[in-house]
Protein backbone atom coordinates (compact mmCIF):
# COMPACT_ATOMS: atom_id res chain seq x y z
CA MET A 1 81.11 64.04 31.24
CA LYS A 2 80.22 60.49 32.28
CA VAL A 3 83.11 58.05 31.93
CA LEU A 4 82.78 54.29 32.24
CA ILE A 5 86.11 52.55 32.86
CA ALA A 6 86.18 48.81 32.09
CA CYS A 7 89.15 47.10 33.69
CA THR A 8 90.59 43.58 33.63
CA PRO A 9 90.64 42.45 37.29
CA ALA A 10 94.41 42.58 37.74
CA THR A 11 96.52 45.06 39.68
CA GLY A 12 98.80 45.77 36.72
CA HIS A 13 95.78 46.85 34.69
CA LEU A 14 94.04 48.68 37.52
CA ASN A 15 96.95 50.85 38.66
CA PRO A 16 97.30 52.90 35.46
CA LEU A 17 93.53 53.15 35.03
CA LEU A 18 93.22 54.46 38.59
CA ALA A 19 95.66 57.22 37.65
CA VAL A 20 93.67 57.93 34.47
CA ALA A 21 90.48 58.07 36.53
CA ARG A 22 92.07 60.36 39.12
CA GLY A 23 92.93 62.86 36.41
CA LEU A 24 89.37 62.76 35.06
CA ILE A 25 87.85 63.13 38.53
CA ASP A 26 90.09 66.13 39.21
CA GLU A 27 88.61 67.66 36.04
CA ARG A 28 85.15 67.12 37.61
CA HIS A 29 84.10 64.23 35.38
CA ASP A 30 81.86 61.45 36.71
CA VAL A 31 83.82 58.17 36.66
CA THR A 32 82.51 54.65 37.28
CA PHE A 33 84.59 51.45 37.15
CA LEU A 34 83.48 48.02 36.00
CA THR A 35 85.99 45.48 37.30
CA GLY A 36 86.57 42.65 39.77
CA SER A 37 84.88 42.92 43.18
CA VAL A 38 88.22 42.32 44.96
CA LEU A 39 89.40 45.70 43.62
CA ARG A 40 86.42 47.67 44.95
CA PRO A 41 88.22 49.31 47.93
CA ARG A 42 90.97 50.72 45.72
CA VAL A 43 88.49 52.09 43.19
CA GLU A 44 86.29 53.76 45.78
CA ALA A 45 89.35 55.18 47.57
CA ILE A 46 89.93 57.61 44.69
CA GLY A 47 86.30 58.74 44.61
CA ALA A 48 85.12 56.70 41.62
CA GLY A 49 81.91 54.69 41.43
CA PHE A 50 82.13 50.91 41.33
CA ARG A 51 80.28 48.02 39.73
CA SER A 52 81.51 44.44 39.85
CA LEU A 53 81.83 42.22 36.81
CA PRO A 54 79.29 39.41 36.44
CA ALA A 55 80.07 35.87 37.49
CA GLY A 56 82.42 34.26 35.00
CA ALA A 57 84.54 37.38 34.78
CA ASP A 58 84.69 38.48 38.42
CA PHE A 59 87.91 36.89 39.61
CA ASP A 60 91.25 37.98 41.03
CA LEU A 61 94.11 37.65 38.55
CA ARG A 62 96.56 37.95 41.40
CA LYS A 63 95.53 34.35 42.10
CA ILE A 64 96.01 32.83 38.68
CA ASP A 65 96.60 29.39 40.19
CA GLU A 66 93.03 29.46 41.47
CA VAL A 67 91.55 30.86 38.26
CA ALA A 68 93.45 28.48 35.97
CA PRO A 69 95.07 25.75 38.10
CA GLU A 70 96.06 23.80 34.99
CA LEU A 71 98.75 26.42 34.24
CA LYS A 72 100.81 25.15 37.18
CA ASN A 73 101.53 21.97 35.24
CA ILE A 74 102.44 23.62 31.92
CA GLU A 75 105.93 24.92 31.18
CA PRO A 76 106.21 28.49 29.81
CA GLY A 77 105.70 28.34 26.06
CA LEU A 78 103.02 28.26 23.37
CA GLU A 79 100.73 25.81 25.13
CA TRP A 80 100.89 27.90 28.33
CA LEU A 81 99.98 30.98 26.29
CA ARG A 82 97.07 29.24 24.58
CA VAL A 83 95.53 28.09 27.85
CA ALA A 84 96.09 31.44 29.58
CA ILE A 85 94.57 33.42 26.72
CA GLU A 86 91.52 31.19 26.51
CA ARG A 87 90.90 31.08 30.27
CA PHE A 88 91.59 34.72 31.15
CA PHE A 89 90.55 36.62 28.04
CA VAL A 90 88.45 34.60 25.60
CA GLU A 91 85.96 32.83 27.87
CA THR A 92 85.50 35.98 29.96
CA MET A 93 84.42 38.08 26.97
CA PRO A 94 80.65 37.27 27.10
CA PRO A 95 80.18 38.04 30.83
CA GLN A 96 82.33 41.16 30.49
CA TYR A 97 80.14 42.30 27.62
CA ALA A 98 76.96 41.56 29.59
CA GLY A 99 78.18 43.66 32.50
CA LEU A 100 79.25 46.41 30.15
CA GLN A 101 75.89 46.48 28.36
CA GLN A 102 73.98 46.63 31.63
CA LEU A 103 76.05 49.51 32.95
CA VAL A 104 75.92 51.37 29.63
CA HIS A 105 72.11 51.10 29.72
CA GLU A 106 71.98 52.46 33.27
CA MET A 107 74.69 55.07 33.00
CA GLN A 108 74.56 56.30 29.39
CA PRO A 109 78.29 57.16 29.41
CA ASP A 110 79.77 59.77 27.11
CA VAL A 111 82.86 57.59 26.65
CA ILE A 112 84.09 54.13 27.60
CA VAL A 113 87.72 53.77 28.67
CA GLY A 114 89.22 50.31 28.99
CA ASP A 115 92.48 48.45 29.18
CA ASP A 116 93.92 46.60 26.20
CA MET A 117 92.84 43.15 27.41
CA PHE A 118 89.22 43.87 28.35
CA PHE A 119 87.76 42.10 25.32
CA GLY A 120 84.20 42.66 26.50
CA VAL A 121 84.31 45.81 24.34
CA LEU A 122 84.72 43.77 21.15
CA PRO A 123 81.02 43.28 20.31
CA MET A 124 80.60 47.05 20.57
CA LEU A 125 83.66 47.84 18.47
CA LEU A 126 82.55 45.36 15.80
CA GLY A 127 79.11 46.97 15.56
CA SER A 128 77.89 50.28 14.24
CA ARG A 129 79.78 53.33 15.50
CA ALA A 130 76.50 55.25 15.56
CA ASN A 131 74.99 52.86 18.09
CA ARG A 132 77.66 52.97 20.79
CA SER A 133 79.66 55.30 22.99
CA PRO A 134 83.20 56.19 21.87
CA VAL A 135 85.79 53.69 23.12
CA VAL A 136 89.30 54.68 24.26
CA LEU A 137 91.64 51.84 25.21
CA CYS A 138 94.85 51.99 27.22
CA GLY A 139 97.89 49.87 26.39
CA THR A 140 98.88 48.45 29.76
CA SER A 141 101.25 45.99 28.07
CA VAL A 142 103.59 46.15 25.09
CA LEU A 143 101.95 47.52 21.97
CA HIS A 144 99.75 44.78 20.49
CA SER A 145 100.07 46.00 16.93
CA ALA A 146 101.31 43.85 14.05
CA ARG A 147 105.08 44.07 13.62
CA ASP A 148 106.75 44.81 10.29
CA ASP A 149 109.05 41.78 10.72
CA GLY A 150 106.16 39.38 11.33
CA ALA A 151 107.24 38.32 14.82
CA PRO A 152 104.35 37.16 17.01
CA LEU A 153 103.49 38.54 20.44
CA PHE A 154 104.70 37.31 23.83
CA LEU A 155 107.84 35.45 22.69
CA GLY A 156 110.37 38.17 23.45
CA LEU A 157 111.72 38.42 19.88
CA PRO A 158 113.72 41.60 19.15
CA PRO A 159 113.31 43.37 15.81
CA ALA A 160 114.71 41.36 12.90
CA THR A 161 117.73 43.00 11.29
CA THR A 162 118.47 40.49 8.53
CA GLN A 163 116.49 38.52 5.99
CA GLY A 164 117.56 35.34 7.75
CA GLU A 165 115.97 36.55 10.99
CA ARG A 166 112.78 37.50 9.16
CA ASP A 167 112.65 34.05 7.57
CA ASN A 168 113.11 32.46 10.99
CA TYR A 169 110.33 34.63 12.45
CA ALA A 170 108.03 33.47 9.66
CA VAL A 171 108.60 29.85 10.71
CA ILE A 172 108.00 30.74 14.37
CA ALA A 173 104.87 32.71 13.48
CA LYS A 174 103.43 29.77 11.54
CA GLU A 175 103.69 27.51 14.58
CA TYR A 176 102.41 30.28 16.85
CA ASP A 177 99.36 30.79 14.65
CA SER A 178 98.64 27.07 14.70
CA VAL A 179 98.98 26.62 18.47
CA VAL A 180 97.82 30.00 19.84
CA ASN A 181 96.15 32.40 17.41
CA GLU A 182 93.95 30.06 15.40
CA PRO A 183 92.30 28.32 18.40
CA ALA A 184 91.77 31.66 20.16
CA THR A 185 90.34 33.32 17.06
CA ARG A 186 88.09 30.37 16.32
CA ARG A 187 86.69 30.37 19.85
CA ILE A 188 86.27 34.15 20.14
CA ASN A 189 84.42 34.20 16.81
CA GLU A 190 82.09 31.46 18.05
CA LEU A 191 81.30 33.55 21.10
CA LEU A 192 80.91 36.74 19.05
CA ALA A 193 78.46 34.99 16.72
CA LYS A 194 76.28 34.02 19.70
CA LEU A 195 76.18 37.70 20.65
CA GLY A 196 75.20 38.72 17.11
CA ALA A 197 78.55 40.36 16.32
CA ARG A 198 80.61 39.94 13.18
CA PRO A 199 83.88 37.95 13.36
CA LEU A 200 87.33 39.39 13.86
CA SER A 201 89.36 40.22 10.77
CA THR A 202 92.66 39.95 12.64
CA VAL A 203 94.08 38.15 15.67
CA LEU A 204 92.57 38.83 19.09
CA PHE A 205 95.16 41.07 20.74
CA GLU A 206 95.71 43.18 17.63
CA SER A 207 91.99 43.64 17.03
CA VAL A 208 91.29 46.11 19.81
CA VAL A 209 94.26 48.29 18.79
CA GLU A 210 92.80 48.56 15.29
CA LEU A 211 89.18 49.03 16.34
CA ALA A 212 89.42 51.49 19.24
CA ASP A 213 88.51 55.10 18.52
CA ALA A 214 91.71 56.10 20.33
CA TYR A 215 94.46 53.93 21.78
CA LEU A 216 96.67 55.30 24.56
CA GLN A 217 99.98 53.44 24.81
CA LEU A 218 101.23 53.98 28.35
CA SER A 219 104.89 54.37 27.45
CA VAL A 220 107.16 56.37 25.12
CA PRO A 221 108.19 55.60 21.53
CA SER A 222 111.79 54.75 22.45
CA PHE A 223 110.58 51.75 24.44
CA GLU A 224 108.64 50.27 21.55
CA PHE A 225 109.90 48.35 18.54
CA PRO A 226 109.58 50.48 15.38
CA ARG A 227 106.71 49.75 12.99
CA LYS A 228 103.98 51.47 10.98
CA LEU A 229 101.32 52.75 13.36
CA SER A 230 97.74 53.88 13.05
CA PRO A 231 97.12 57.60 13.74
CA THR A 232 94.73 56.52 16.52
CA ILE A 233 97.71 55.28 18.60
CA HIS A 234 99.14 57.84 21.03
CA PHE A 235 102.21 57.37 23.23
CA VAL A 236 101.25 59.25 26.38
CA GLY A 237 103.97 58.28 28.85
CA THR A 238 103.31 56.51 32.13
CA PRO A 239 100.46 57.79 34.31
CA PRO A 240 101.46 59.53 37.54
CA ILE A 241 101.69 57.25 40.56
CA ILE A 242 98.80 57.80 42.96
CA PRO A 243 100.63 58.73 46.18
CA ASN A 244 100.15 57.37 49.69
CA GLN A 245 98.72 54.01 48.68
CA ALA A 246 101.12 52.36 51.14
CA PRO A 247 102.82 53.76 54.27
CA LEU A 248 106.55 54.23 54.61
CA PRO A 249 108.18 51.11 56.08
CA PRO A 250 109.67 51.30 59.58
CA TRP A 251 113.15 50.92 58.07
CA ALA A 252 112.77 53.87 55.68
CA GLY A 253 115.60 55.73 57.42
CA ASP A 254 118.07 53.03 56.39
CA LEU A 255 117.93 54.37 52.83
CA ASP A 256 120.16 57.30 53.74
CA GLY A 257 122.36 57.37 50.64
CA THR A 258 125.34 55.58 52.16
CA ARG A 259 124.66 52.46 50.09
CA LYS A 260 123.33 51.89 46.60
CA VAL A 261 119.74 50.66 46.64
CA VAL A 262 118.66 47.63 44.60
CA LEU A 263 114.87 47.30 44.38
CA VAL A 264 113.53 43.84 43.51
CA THR A 265 109.95 42.76 42.85
CA GLN A 266 108.00 40.02 41.12
CA GLY A 267 104.96 42.27 40.76
CA THR A 268 101.43 41.21 41.71
CA VAL A 269 100.72 38.32 39.31
CA ALA A 270 103.79 36.10 38.83
CA ASN A 271 104.67 36.27 42.51
CA HIS A 272 103.41 32.90 43.68
CA ASP A 273 107.01 31.59 43.96
CA PHE A 274 109.59 34.02 45.31
CA GLY A 275 112.23 31.41 44.68
CA LEU A 276 112.22 32.54 41.06
CA LEU A 277 113.64 36.06 41.40
CA VAL A 278 113.31 37.70 44.83
CA ALA A 279 115.16 34.99 46.77
CA PRO A 280 117.94 34.62 44.15
CA THR A 281 118.46 38.39 44.23
CA LEU A 282 118.70 38.46 48.02
CA ALA A 283 121.15 35.56 47.91
CA ALA A 284 123.20 37.01 45.06
CA LEU A 285 123.76 40.33 46.80
CA ALA A 286 123.92 39.18 50.44
CA ASP A 287 127.68 39.68 50.68
CA GLU A 288 127.79 43.07 48.95
CA PRO A 289 128.38 45.59 51.78
CA ASP A 290 127.92 48.64 49.53
CA LEU A 291 124.40 47.57 48.52
CA LEU A 292 121.06 47.66 50.31
CA VAL A 293 118.51 45.32 48.72
CA VAL A 294 114.84 46.27 49.05
CA ALA A 295 112.26 43.59 48.22
CA THR A 296 108.51 44.04 47.92
CA THR A 297 106.18 41.05 47.72
CA GLY A 298 103.27 42.70 45.91
CA GLY A 299 100.80 42.07 48.72
CA ARG A 300 101.86 38.58 49.72
CA PRO A 301 103.21 37.92 53.24
CA VAL A 302 106.92 38.63 53.53
CA ASP A 303 107.46 35.28 55.25
CA THR A 304 106.66 33.55 51.95
CA ILE A 305 110.14 34.54 50.74
CA PRO A 306 112.19 31.35 51.10
CA GLY A 307 115.46 31.28 52.97
CA VAL A 308 117.08 33.67 55.41
CA ILE A 309 116.71 37.41 54.81
CA PRO A 310 120.28 38.81 54.61
CA SER A 311 121.37 41.63 56.90
CA ASN A 312 121.67 44.01 53.94
CA ALA A 313 118.06 43.39 52.83
CA ARG A 314 114.80 45.08 53.76
CA VAL A 315 111.42 43.57 52.85
CA SER A 316 107.84 44.81 52.78
CA SER A 317 104.52 43.56 51.46
CA TYR A 318 103.83 46.91 49.79
CA LEU A 319 105.91 50.04 49.32
CA PRO A 320 104.96 53.56 48.24
CA PHE A 321 106.40 53.52 44.73
CA GLU A 322 106.62 57.30 44.53
CA TRP A 323 109.09 57.10 47.45
CA ILE A 324 111.14 54.00 46.67
CA LEU A 325 111.75 54.90 43.01
CA GLN A 326 113.42 58.12 44.14
CA LYS A 327 115.80 56.02 46.25
CA ALA A 328 116.54 53.11 43.89
CA ASP A 329 119.75 52.82 41.85
CA VAL A 330 118.83 49.53 40.12
CA PHE A 331 115.48 47.87 39.50
CA VAL A 332 115.43 44.05 39.41
CA THR A 333 112.14 42.83 37.98
CA ASN A 334 110.44 39.94 36.24
CA GLY A 335 109.10 42.43 33.72
CA GLY A 336 105.79 44.00 34.75
CA TYR A 337 105.05 46.61 32.09
CA GLY A 338 103.75 49.31 34.41
CA SER A 339 106.56 49.11 36.96
CA VAL A 340 109.21 48.94 34.23
CA ASN A 341 107.86 52.13 32.67
CA GLN A 342 107.68 53.81 36.07
CA ALA A 343 111.30 52.85 36.76
CA MET A 344 112.41 54.22 33.39
CA SER A 345 110.55 57.48 34.06
CA PHE A 346 112.79 57.86 37.12
CA GLY A 347 115.92 57.06 35.08
CA ILE A 348 116.64 53.76 36.86
CA PRO A 349 118.58 51.07 34.94
CA ILE A 350 117.02 47.62 34.99
CA VAL A 351 117.91 43.93 35.34
CA SER A 352 115.05 41.69 34.21
CA ALA A 353 114.26 37.99 34.35
CA GLY A 354 110.82 36.68 33.38
CA LEU A 355 109.17 34.67 30.62
CA THR A 356 105.47 34.28 31.53
CA GLU A 357 102.49 36.50 30.60
CA ASP A 358 103.83 39.42 28.52
CA LYS A 359 107.12 39.54 30.38
CA ALA A 360 109.37 38.07 27.67
CA ASP A 361 108.25 40.89 25.36
CA VAL A 362 108.73 43.58 28.01
CA ASN A 363 112.17 42.28 28.88
CA ALA A 364 113.22 42.08 25.23
CA ARG A 365 112.50 45.80 25.01
CA ILE A 366 114.62 46.48 28.09
CA ALA A 367 117.66 45.00 26.34
CA TRP A 368 116.83 46.44 22.91
CA SER A 369 116.34 49.98 24.24
CA GLY A 370 119.60 49.83 26.20
CA VAL A 371 118.12 50.65 29.63
CA GLY A 372 119.21 47.38 31.17
CA ILE A 373 120.04 43.69 30.91
CA ASN A 374 117.56 40.95 30.08
CA LEU A 375 118.63 37.62 31.59
CA ALA A 376 115.98 35.83 29.47
CA THR A 377 115.05 33.27 32.10
CA ASN A 378 112.41 32.74 34.76
CA GLN A 379 114.92 31.80 37.45
CA PRO A 380 118.35 33.41 37.12
CA ASP A 381 121.52 31.98 38.60
CA PRO A 382 122.59 34.17 41.57
CA LYS A 383 126.12 34.57 40.20
CA VAL A 384 124.81 35.75 36.82
CA LEU A 385 122.33 38.01 38.56
CA ARG A 386 125.03 39.60 40.69
CA GLY A 387 127.12 40.26 37.60
CA ALA A 388 124.18 41.91 35.83
CA VAL A 389 123.42 44.17 38.80
CA ARG A 390 127.08 45.20 39.00
CA ALA A 391 127.14 45.87 35.26
CA VAL A 392 124.19 48.25 35.27
CA LEU A 393 125.58 49.98 38.35
CA GLU A 394 129.13 50.37 37.11
CA GLN A 395 128.88 50.69 33.32
CA PRO A 396 127.82 54.27 32.47
CA ALA A 397 126.00 53.32 29.25
CA TYR A 398 123.02 51.84 31.14
CA ARG A 399 122.61 54.85 33.43
CA MET A 400 122.96 57.24 30.49
CA ARG A 401 120.33 55.40 28.45
CA ALA A 402 117.97 55.25 31.44
CA ALA A 403 118.46 58.98 32.01
CA SER A 404 117.70 59.66 28.35
CA MET A 405 114.53 57.61 28.63
CA ALA A 406 113.52 59.59 31.73
CA ASP A 407 113.93 62.80 29.72
CA GLU A 408 111.58 61.42 27.07
CA PHE A 409 108.96 60.64 29.71
CA ALA A 410 109.38 64.10 31.26
CA LYS A 411 108.58 65.80 27.94
CA ARG A 412 105.06 64.38 28.04
CA ASP A 413 102.41 65.96 30.22
CA THR A 414 100.79 62.55 30.56
CA ARG A 415 97.76 63.53 32.59
CA SER A 416 96.84 66.43 30.29
CA LEU A 417 97.39 64.26 27.21
CA ILE A 418 95.13 61.51 28.49
CA VAL A 419 92.33 63.87 29.54
CA ARG A 420 92.53 65.74 26.24
CA ILE A 421 92.37 62.61 24.07
CA ILE A 422 89.48 61.14 26.07
CA ASN A 423 87.62 64.46 25.83
CA GLU A 424 88.19 64.56 22.08
CA ALA A 425 86.87 61.03 21.68
CA ALA A 426 83.78 61.82 23.76
CA THR A 427 82.91 65.07 22.02
CA GLY A 428 84.20 64.36 18.52
CA LYS A 429 85.96 67.73 18.65
CA LYS A 430 89.72 68.19 18.55
CA ALA A 431 90.92 70.44 21.35
CA PRO A 432 93.69 73.03 20.84
CA THR A 433 97.05 71.27 21.36
CA ARG A 434 99.34 72.60 24.04
CA ARG A 435 103.02 72.72 23.16
CA LYS A 436 103.97 70.14 25.80
CA ALA A 437 101.42 67.66 24.46
CA ALA A 438 102.54 67.87 20.84
CA ALA A 439 104.68 64.73 21.04
CA ALA A 440 101.67 62.45 21.34
């Protein structure tokens, strides 16, 4: 089977799709990626083919200040969201589609697999099903499906429990539609019309969930707000971590079990200013002799962390996640969806602080699901942060809920589920369901 994987050029989108691709390659399928040229080495390292996106879509989302420098001068909020959506996802749709069409013509794939924000698939999904390959999309962020309570995306709003909350959400949603959804929909429909495609019938982020032939949400149901879901949506757990992508650090032996380990990261996108979370965490826990704080900078130089590195801290540009998650007792994060799900799959309680991108929504789910504490800020006070870390370490409820979540992940044979669903989409035939995969 020939599989074309279309990926937004961002590490948080690539990592799970690399794991998906690895499973397909191990099943002897032919896999080719279409993504940013900066990601070529990582794609080819797993044995997949590579094609770069055309100009206009071939950028590095780890450097969002270079891609959209205007965001530096906009506070987190609706205007920030509008600009980010238009710059990263709307205006990139035509070149993404052009690259996709070219590769489809050359490759004749049996199935196209993409992430949930690669909107270059939209002209295909809006056209005739008979004239395109099947499309399977992967939810690398919170589920972008309309909520029963009417709350909009990206604002970190927990499920409404009263009529008053639903009424308030309606007011918020009206402003959100005016500032974010309506401009984005208007512009994407203009671009779709130029490509000869029909307009969207719903908002941008929800559209691909509705239109995909199958939608793989890379999480478990207990980490998602309840709502009515399409039968094409499958919760498949978090893809296995590809091992050995980073070497063990020279200080690996320090994690010998004598101290609790606090892992802190700002991921690979919102890590341009380590004064937001990494430095406050190091400062907050510097005088805690029973804790060892491990910080990873997501590829940036470790000397970009401001201030003095405390004696009870260890830092590294990259860490092998399959190793460090087995050692960690608490995960401090700004809310990257993939790393949060990986931490939960290891039963690690979480302290989160982040408001940009999709992080407010991810962090709202951390609090709602009971696996940790959401500080609901971009830059937490060190004293508050220290109290939150101590709470998730010392109050059994957080560890118990995290352990329960890990059990839910363990019940899913994620790799087999993903391969089976992609095979079914490609062939149009439903494969016999194994008992372990029945929860999808």
